[in-house]
Protein backbone atom coordinates (compact mmCIF):
# COMPACT_ATOMS: atom_id res chain seq x y z
CA UNK A 1 12.20 -115.63 63.38
CA UNK A 2 15.75 -115.45 62.61
CA UNK A 3 16.05 -112.36 64.90
CA UNK A 4 14.56 -114.46 67.59
CA UNK A 5 16.85 -117.56 67.22
CA UNK A 6 20.19 -115.06 67.22
CA UNK A 7 18.88 -113.40 70.54
CA UNK A 8 18.19 -116.83 72.05
CA UNK A 9 21.69 -118.19 71.07
CA UNK A 10 23.33 -115.12 72.34
CA UNK A 11 21.80 -115.49 75.57
CA UNK A 12 23.01 -119.04 75.88
CA UNK A 13 26.67 -118.26 74.99
CA UNK A 14 26.52 -115.43 77.42
CA UNK A 15 24.97 -117.94 80.21
CA UNK A 16 27.73 -120.35 79.43
CA UNK A 17 30.71 -117.59 79.49
CA UNK A 18 29.43 -116.37 82.99
CA UNK A 19 29.28 -120.12 84.37
CA UNK A 20 32.59 -120.77 83.14
CA UNK A 21 34.43 -117.84 84.69
CA UNK A 22 32.73 -118.44 87.97
CA UNK A 23 33.72 -122.19 87.65
CA UNK A 24 37.29 -121.04 86.85
CA UNK A 25 37.24 -118.71 90.05
CA UNK A 26 36.30 -121.70 92.37
CA UNK A 27 39.15 -123.95 90.67
CA UNK A 28 42.24 -124.60 92.97
CA UNK A 29 45.37 -123.14 91.17
CA UNK A 30 48.47 -125.00 91.67
CA UNK A 31 51.50 -122.50 92.00
CA UNK A 32 54.80 -123.52 90.92
CA UNK A 33 57.05 -122.03 93.69
CA UNK A 34 60.40 -122.70 91.96
CA UNK A 35 63.42 -122.43 94.10
CA UNK A 36 65.47 -119.20 93.40
CA UNK A 37 68.55 -119.49 91.58
CA UNK A 38 71.85 -119.28 93.72
CA UNK A 39 73.27 -115.68 93.74
CA UNK A 40 77.03 -114.90 94.18
CA UNK A 41 77.84 -113.42 97.78
CA UNK A 42 81.15 -111.74 98.32
CA UNK A 43 82.22 -110.48 101.66
CA UNK A 44 85.58 -108.81 101.64
CA UNK A 45 87.84 -106.53 103.51
CA UNK A 46 91.20 -105.13 104.24
CA UNK A 47 92.10 -103.35 107.32
CA UNK A 48 94.93 -101.17 108.15
CA UNK A 49 98.28 -103.24 108.84
CA UNK A 50 96.27 -106.35 108.09
CA UNK A 51 96.26 -108.68 104.72
CA UNK A 52 93.06 -108.77 102.65
CA UNK A 53 90.15 -111.72 103.22
CA UNK A 54 87.36 -112.43 101.17
CA UNK A 55 84.64 -115.16 101.71
CA UNK A 56 82.84 -116.40 98.20
CA UNK A 57 79.55 -118.23 98.71
CA UNK A 58 76.36 -118.57 97.05
CA UNK A 59 72.97 -118.07 98.41
CA UNK A 60 70.55 -120.74 99.02
CA UNK A 61 66.90 -121.17 98.58
CA UNK A 62 64.82 -120.21 101.49
CA UNK A 63 63.40 -123.64 101.85
CA UNK A 64 67.01 -125.71 101.49
CA UNK A 65 68.68 -126.27 104.63
CA UNK A 66 71.71 -127.99 102.74
CA UNK A 67 75.40 -126.87 103.81
CA UNK A 68 76.38 -123.46 102.13
CA UNK A 69 77.90 -123.51 99.01
CA UNK A 70 81.36 -122.05 98.24
CA UNK A 71 83.08 -120.59 95.18
CA UNK A 72 86.42 -122.58 95.28
CA UNK A 73 88.25 -122.14 92.21
CA UNK A 74 88.14 -118.54 91.82
CA UNK A 75 91.03 -116.19 90.72
CA UNK A 76 90.94 -113.33 93.41
CA UNK A 77 93.43 -110.44 93.30
CA UNK A 78 93.99 -107.20 95.10
CA UNK A 79 95.65 -104.04 93.78
CA UNK A 80 96.37 -101.05 95.25
CA UNK A 81 96.68 -97.47 93.75
CA UNK A 82 100.53 -98.01 93.12
CA UNK A 83 99.47 -100.69 90.96
CA UNK A 84 101.00 -103.51 93.35
CA UNK A 85 99.11 -106.94 92.91
CA UNK A 86 98.73 -109.87 95.04
CA UNK A 87 96.88 -113.20 94.34
CA UNK A 88 94.81 -114.17 97.25
CA UNK A 89 95.22 -117.91 98.51
CA UNK A 90 92.34 -120.18 99.18
CA UNK A 91 92.15 -121.67 102.71
CA UNK A 92 88.98 -123.62 102.44
CA UNK A 93 85.28 -122.88 102.92
CA UNK A 94 85.08 -120.24 100.60
CA UNK A 95 87.71 -118.06 102.30
CA UNK A 96 90.79 -116.54 100.12
CA UNK A 97 93.56 -114.66 102.16
CA UNK A 98 96.40 -112.40 101.15
CA UNK A 99 99.87 -113.21 102.45
CA UNK A 100 101.96 -110.09 102.22
CA UNK A 101 99.95 -106.69 101.04
CA UNK A 102 99.00 -104.83 104.12
CA UNK A 103 96.43 -102.27 104.41
CA UNK A 104 97.71 -98.68 104.46
CA UNK A 105 96.03 -95.52 105.18
CA UNK A 106 94.97 -93.18 102.23
CA UNK A 107 95.44 -96.03 99.82
CA UNK A 108 92.51 -97.21 97.44
CA UNK A 109 92.24 -100.94 96.96
CA UNK A 110 90.53 -102.96 94.34
CA UNK A 111 89.30 -106.61 94.72
CA UNK A 112 88.90 -108.58 91.65
CA UNK A 113 87.06 -111.90 91.44
CA UNK A 114 87.27 -114.09 88.43
CA UNK A 115 85.62 -117.41 87.55
CA UNK A 116 84.33 -119.26 84.59
CA UNK A 117 81.33 -117.02 83.82
CA UNK A 118 82.56 -113.50 84.85
CA UNK A 119 84.60 -110.93 86.28
CA UNK A 120 83.51 -108.86 89.49
CA UNK A 121 85.51 -105.88 90.79
CA UNK A 122 85.08 -103.24 93.54
CA UNK A 123 87.07 -100.57 95.18
CA UNK A 124 87.36 -99.04 98.70
CA UNK A 125 89.51 -96.23 100.24
CA UNK A 126 91.33 -97.02 103.43
CA UNK A 127 90.67 -93.95 105.50
CA UNK A 128 93.38 -93.18 108.16
CA UNK A 129 92.02 -94.17 111.74
CA UNK A 130 90.69 -92.00 114.45
CA UNK A 131 91.95 -91.95 118.04
CA UNK A 132 89.49 -92.65 120.92
CA UNK A 133 90.24 -90.25 123.62
CA UNK A 134 88.11 -91.28 126.54
CA UNK A 135 84.73 -92.90 127.20
CA UNK A 136 82.41 -91.61 130.20
CA UNK A 137 79.05 -93.01 131.23
CA UNK A 138 75.88 -91.51 132.25
CA UNK A 139 72.18 -92.88 133.23
CA UNK A 140 70.74 -94.32 130.40
CA UNK A 141 67.25 -92.54 129.09
CA UNK A 142 65.91 -96.00 128.95
CA UNK A 143 66.55 -96.95 132.71
CA UNK A 144 63.24 -97.83 134.56
CA UNK A 145 62.38 -95.08 137.16
CA UNK A 146 60.55 -97.65 139.33
CA UNK A 147 63.34 -99.90 139.68
CA UNK A 148 66.93 -99.94 141.40
CA UNK A 149 68.45 -101.63 138.17
CA UNK A 150 69.99 -98.52 136.82
CA UNK A 151 71.32 -98.77 133.06
CA UNK A 152 74.25 -96.57 132.01
CA UNK A 153 75.17 -95.01 128.32
CA UNK A 154 78.59 -94.83 127.15
CA UNK A 155 79.73 -91.66 125.43
CA UNK A 156 82.79 -91.99 122.96
CA UNK A 157 84.97 -89.08 122.50
CA UNK A 158 87.48 -89.54 119.51
CA UNK A 159 89.32 -87.44 117.28
CA UNK A 160 88.27 -86.24 113.80
CA UNK A 161 90.21 -84.91 110.85
CA UNK A 162 88.59 -81.68 109.83
CA UNK A 163 90.36 -81.24 106.50
CA UNK A 164 87.97 -83.81 105.13
CA UNK A 165 84.29 -85.44 105.59
CA UNK A 166 84.80 -88.44 107.53
CA UNK A 167 82.27 -91.30 107.97
CA UNK A 168 82.48 -93.75 111.10
CA UNK A 169 81.01 -97.16 111.91
CA UNK A 170 80.83 -97.71 115.73
CA UNK A 171 80.55 -101.25 117.40
CA UNK A 172 80.51 -102.04 120.89
CA UNK A 173 80.80 -105.65 122.45
CA UNK A 174 79.41 -105.82 126.00
CA UNK A 175 80.81 -108.93 127.67
CA UNK A 176 81.89 -110.40 124.30
CA UNK A 177 78.73 -109.89 122.94
CA UNK A 178 77.30 -107.43 120.35
CA UNK A 179 75.11 -104.87 121.93
CA UNK A 180 73.03 -104.07 118.74
CA UNK A 181 72.77 -106.05 115.24
CA UNK A 182 72.11 -102.71 113.63
CA UNK A 183 75.05 -100.53 112.31
CA UNK A 184 75.53 -97.41 114.01
CA UNK A 185 77.02 -95.11 111.32
CA UNK A 186 77.88 -91.28 111.69
CA UNK A 187 79.13 -88.35 109.41
CA UNK A 188 81.24 -85.90 111.10
CA UNK A 189 79.44 -82.75 110.43
CA UNK A 190 76.77 -83.74 112.58
CA UNK A 191 79.10 -84.36 115.76
CA UNK A 192 82.08 -82.20 115.34
CA UNK A 193 83.27 -80.11 118.45
CA UNK A 194 86.74 -78.88 118.18
CA UNK A 195 88.39 -81.62 116.27
CA UNK A 196 86.79 -84.34 118.30
CA UNK A 197 83.45 -86.19 118.34
CA UNK A 198 81.27 -87.17 121.23
CA UNK A 199 78.89 -89.97 120.22
CA UNK A 200 76.47 -91.03 122.77
CA UNK A 201 75.78 -94.79 122.16
CA UNK A 202 72.21 -94.62 123.56
CA UNK A 203 71.54 -98.46 122.46
CA UNK A 204 74.35 -99.75 124.41
CA UNK A 205 72.78 -99.87 127.90
CA UNK A 206 75.73 -101.12 130.33
CA UNK A 207 75.84 -102.05 134.01
CA UNK A 208 78.65 -101.85 136.52
CA UNK A 209 80.91 -104.43 136.02
CA UNK A 210 80.60 -105.13 132.42
CA UNK A 211 83.47 -105.54 130.14
CA UNK A 212 83.14 -103.08 127.04
CA UNK A 213 85.00 -103.39 123.77
CA UNK A 214 84.32 -100.45 121.70
CA UNK A 215 85.63 -99.92 118.16
CA UNK A 216 85.41 -96.71 116.03
CA UNK A 217 86.13 -97.80 112.30
CA UNK A 218 86.92 -95.03 109.71
CA UNK A 219 85.24 -95.82 106.62
CA UNK A 220 84.24 -94.29 103.01
CA UNK A 221 81.40 -92.64 102.26
CA UNK A 222 80.27 -95.63 99.81
CA UNK A 223 80.61 -98.05 102.77
CA UNK A 224 78.57 -95.92 104.79
CA UNK A 225 75.72 -95.88 102.56
CA UNK A 226 75.86 -99.73 102.35
CA UNK A 227 75.60 -100.12 106.21
CA UNK A 228 72.77 -97.47 106.29
CA UNK A 229 71.18 -99.71 103.54
CA UNK A 230 71.64 -102.84 105.63
CA UNK A 231 69.97 -100.99 108.45
CA UNK A 232 66.86 -100.23 106.37
CA UNK A 233 66.64 -103.68 105.29
CA UNK A 234 66.73 -104.93 109.23
CA UNK A 235 64.23 -101.99 110.30
CA UNK A 236 67.09 -100.48 112.28
CA UNK A 237 66.91 -97.20 110.38
CA UNK A 238 63.36 -96.85 112.24
CA UNK A 239 61.48 -97.09 108.80
CA UNK A 240 59.44 -99.99 107.79
CA UNK A 241 59.26 -100.81 104.09
CA UNK A 242 59.64 -103.73 101.71
CA UNK A 243 62.61 -105.55 102.36
CA UNK A 244 65.51 -105.33 99.66
CA UNK A 245 69.22 -106.26 98.95
CA UNK A 246 71.69 -103.57 99.77
CA UNK A 247 73.49 -102.31 96.59
CA UNK A 248 76.76 -104.23 96.24
CA UNK A 249 79.96 -102.44 95.14
CA UNK A 250 80.51 -105.54 92.97
CA UNK A 251 77.27 -104.66 91.12
CA UNK A 252 73.55 -105.70 91.03
CA UNK A 253 74.20 -109.38 90.41
CA UNK A 254 76.04 -109.92 93.56
CA UNK A 255 75.26 -109.57 97.24
CA UNK A 256 77.93 -108.58 99.90
CA UNK A 257 80.55 -106.08 99.92
CA UNK A 258 84.14 -105.18 99.94
CA UNK A 259 85.55 -102.54 102.50
CA UNK A 260 88.84 -101.10 103.40
CA UNK A 261 88.89 -99.49 106.84
CA UNK A 262 90.71 -98.87 109.87
CA UNK A 263 89.80 -98.60 113.47
CA UNK A 264 90.83 -97.47 116.93
CA UNK A 265 89.66 -99.44 119.87
CA UNK A 266 88.81 -99.29 123.89
CA UNK A 267 88.79 -102.02 126.08
CA UNK A 268 87.61 -101.35 129.55
CA UNK A 269 85.53 -102.56 132.46
CA UNK A 270 82.96 -100.16 133.61
CA UNK A 271 82.92 -99.23 137.39
CA UNK A 272 81.15 -96.36 139.17
CA UNK A 273 83.58 -94.07 140.56
CA UNK A 274 83.12 -93.05 144.35
């Protein structure tokens, strides 16, 4: 009799347990979507013959449309490889600017950002600028063969120093608008031809009468890797995947980047020669 009673009790408990599990599955669960904590964003640069420029801001939550928040009381200094130091002056809206130290080729620059909680440091090498030799045009592979509206592709020819490995960032403005939001970065070993590079800007479809501003930036290897990560994050690298934040040279807890760079530019109006 005791054995029957035990089995009956076990059956009742099992039924109640299963019923509870199904009831729990059907219950509406309130998910607490907490706002993400703000993350410091540091965007800085120093270009050849120009002073340093840095903007310090905080990321906001996706659902927050408030005005941007800036870090306004930081100590920002820049140091070159000769241990010369300059404190950047605050101009407003998170922008700090140098006044005297100008970017020089073959110098490494270090930016230090200090606030009440931490010190963030990043470095970048300023590579000597290339020289754009010529820009030519050919019919774009993206032209519609069934239309008279022909598109053209610029080919940019510029110098390359073969004594070292070089990385370049190429940006093209068509009638004052960037032709692409992705970043065209190249390493010279894939393009070199007798101390020059000929780069086909196949994404920049242009038409006669267009005004073009072309800049070829000389950047260091780490900066090139950062822009490549930006491309991957935006889907510009041809691969799809889980979005991620490119690794900042200030560290894992910061967004943005500090780069030292130089550039040559070519300003022209595209016309078809008879």
